[in-house]
Amino acid sequence: MKKLKTITDSSIFTASVLFLVLLSLYFVRLRIPEFVTADASTATLVISFDKDKQRTFSGPIMEKMTVLDALLAATYGSDNIKINYYIDPQNNVNLSSINGYISLNGHGWNFYVNSELVNTKDINKIYVKSNDLLKAEYH
């Protein structure tokens, strides 16, 4: 009987960590020659938890970087911001919470690209462009 090779949780975790480290290094402007061009484009992300509490991140964008990628890269390694989400079989983002601000009972997160409301389920499909202003607002 042939034994099937399986991908272990640790190899998935290792690959995920490596990807996020590279993405975050790029996003916080560390110059890695393979990824950075001389004319790196930048974008800004503002996460508004309520009227008085927000965090702002700014940095270079990568080719084909999505709003979700920018959100994850901006908050990667932050002890202060934790994101809980999953992508369903239809490739839609289901955002459970950001930093304990839960999407439940009429509350949730709205995302904007240059002041235009985008559907949260699509933030993994919307590409970030140079000088974009991304906002995540809890309501």
Protein backbone atom coordinates (compact mmCIF):
# COMPACT_ATOMS: atom_id res chain seq x y z
CA MET A 1 0.00 0.00 0.00
CA LYS A 2 1.41 3.39 -0.96
CA LYS A 3 1.68 5.95 1.76
CA LEU A 4 0.40 9.38 0.72
CA LYS A 5 2.55 12.39 1.41
CA THR A 6 0.79 15.03 3.48
CA ILE A 7 1.55 18.62 4.19
CA THR A 8 2.00 19.00 7.90
CA ASP A 9 0.65 21.87 9.95
CA SER A 10 4.22 22.88 10.76
CA SER A 11 5.21 23.16 7.09
CA ILE A 12 2.12 25.25 6.34
CA PHE A 13 2.90 27.42 9.37
CA THR A 14 6.54 27.81 8.31
CA ALA A 15 5.58 28.78 4.75
CA SER A 16 2.96 31.23 6.05
CA VAL A 17 5.40 32.85 8.46
CA LEU A 18 8.06 33.16 5.77
CA PHE A 19 5.58 34.78 3.36
CA LEU A 20 4.33 37.22 6.00
CA VAL A 21 7.86 38.12 7.09
CA LEU A 22 8.88 38.91 3.51
CA LEU A 23 5.67 40.84 2.92
CA SER A 24 6.03 42.83 6.13
CA LEU A 25 9.70 43.58 5.49
CA TYR A 26 8.74 44.98 2.12
CA PHE A 27 5.81 46.92 3.52
CA VAL A 28 7.84 48.65 6.23
CA ARG A 29 10.34 49.86 3.64
CA LEU A 30 13.29 47.60 4.27
CA ARG A 31 15.20 47.57 1.02
CA ILE A 32 15.30 44.02 -0.31
CA PRO A 33 16.68 44.25 -3.90
CA GLU A 34 14.55 41.44 -5.36
CA PHE A 35 11.30 43.15 -4.36
CA VAL A 36 11.93 46.89 -4.34
CA THR A 37 12.25 49.09 -7.34
CA ALA A 38 13.74 52.57 -7.29
CA ASP A 39 10.31 54.14 -7.74
CA ALA A 40 8.39 52.17 -5.10
CA SER A 41 4.75 53.21 -4.94
CA THR A 42 3.18 53.76 -1.55
CA ALA A 43 -0.26 53.50 0.02
CA THR A 44 -1.72 54.40 3.40
CA LEU A 45 -3.99 52.28 5.59
CA VAL A 46 -6.06 53.75 8.43
CA ILE A 47 -7.79 51.40 10.88
CA SER A 48 -10.50 53.22 12.87
CA PHE A 49 -11.71 51.27 15.87
CA ASP A 50 -13.98 54.09 17.06
CA LYS A 51 -14.09 57.90 16.96
CA ASP A 52 -11.12 58.28 19.28
CA LYS A 53 -8.95 55.28 18.46
CA GLN A 54 -7.21 54.70 15.14
CA ARG A 55 -3.92 53.42 13.75
CA THR A 56 -2.26 54.59 10.54
CA PHE A 57 0.23 52.64 8.44
CA SER A 58 2.04 53.77 5.31
CA GLY A 59 4.50 51.98 3.08
CA PRO A 60 5.41 50.64 -0.34
CA ILE A 61 3.04 48.38 -2.21
CA MET A 62 3.91 45.20 -4.05
CA GLU A 63 2.64 44.16 -7.45
CA LYS A 64 -0.79 42.56 -7.10
CA MET A 65 -1.07 43.53 -3.42
CA THR A 66 -4.69 43.38 -2.30
CA VAL A 67 -6.45 45.32 0.44
CA LEU A 68 -6.29 42.17 2.59
CA ASP A 69 -2.54 41.83 1.90
CA ALA A 70 -2.01 45.45 2.96
CA LEU A 71 -4.05 44.92 6.14
CA LEU A 72 -2.08 41.80 7.06
CA ALA A 73 1.29 43.32 6.20
CA ALA A 74 0.59 46.51 8.14
CA THR A 75 -0.42 44.65 11.26
CA TYR A 76 2.00 41.71 11.05
CA GLY A 77 4.17 41.49 14.13
CA SER A 78 2.07 44.04 15.99
CA ASP A 79 1.32 42.97 19.53
CA ASN A 80 -1.50 45.49 19.55
CA ILE A 81 -3.53 44.41 16.52
CA LYS A 82 -4.86 40.91 15.88
CA ILE A 83 -6.97 39.97 12.86
CA ASN A 84 -9.29 36.96 12.75
CA TYR A 85 -10.62 36.00 9.32
CA TYR A 86 -10.97 33.11 6.92
CA ILE A 87 -11.51 32.76 3.18
CA ASP A 88 -14.47 30.56 2.28
CA PRO A 89 -14.64 28.10 -0.65
CA GLN A 90 -16.10 30.84 -2.87
CA ASN A 91 -12.96 32.96 -2.24
CA ASN A 92 -14.82 35.47 -0.06
CA VAL A 93 -13.25 36.99 3.04
CA ASN A 94 -15.14 36.45 6.27
CA LEU A 95 -13.71 38.91 8.79
CA SER A 96 -14.52 37.87 12.35
CA SER A 97 -12.69 40.63 14.21
CA ILE A 98 -9.87 43.11 14.29
CA ASN A 99 -8.31 43.56 17.70
CA GLY A 100 -11.38 42.22 19.46
CA TYR A 101 -13.83 44.46 17.56
CA ILE A 102 -16.20 41.72 16.44
CA SER A 103 -18.44 41.59 13.38
CA LEU A 104 -21.66 40.63 15.15
CA ASN A 105 -25.15 41.94 16.01
CA GLY A 106 -25.16 44.74 13.46
CA HIS A 107 -21.58 45.76 14.17
CA GLY A 108 -18.77 45.11 11.76
CA TRP A 109 -16.06 46.51 9.54
CA ASN A 110 -16.43 48.70 6.47
CA PHE A 111 -13.55 49.04 4.03
CA TYR A 112 -12.93 52.02 1.77
CA VAL A 113 -10.48 52.56 -1.06
CA ASN A 114 -10.06 56.28 -1.73
CA SER A 115 -13.36 56.98 0.11
CA GLU A 116 -15.27 54.41 -1.98
CA LEU A 117 -17.00 51.71 0.04
CA VAL A 118 -15.94 48.19 -0.95
CA ASN A 119 -17.53 44.94 0.15
CA THR A 120 -15.54 43.33 2.96
CA LYS A 121 -15.89 39.91 1.33
CA ASP A 122 -13.94 41.26 -1.67
CA ILE A 123 -10.90 42.77 0.07
CA ASN A 124 -8.79 39.84 -1.17
CA LYS A 125 -9.75 40.69 -4.77
CA ILE A 126 -9.21 44.47 -4.83
CA TYR A 127 -5.70 45.55 -5.80
CA VAL A 128 -3.94 48.46 -4.13
CA LYS A 129 -2.55 51.15 -6.41
CA SER A 130 -0.02 53.91 -5.87
CA ASN A 131 -1.20 56.62 -3.46
CA ASP A 132 -4.34 54.73 -2.46
CA LEU A 133 -5.89 55.62 0.88
CA LEU A 134 -7.31 52.48 2.46
CA LYS A 135 -9.62 52.70 5.46
CA ALA A 136 -11.06 50.05 7.72
CA GLU A 137 -13.80 51.49 9.97
CA TYR A 138 -15.68 49.71 12.71
CA HIS A 139 -19.40 50.53 12.88
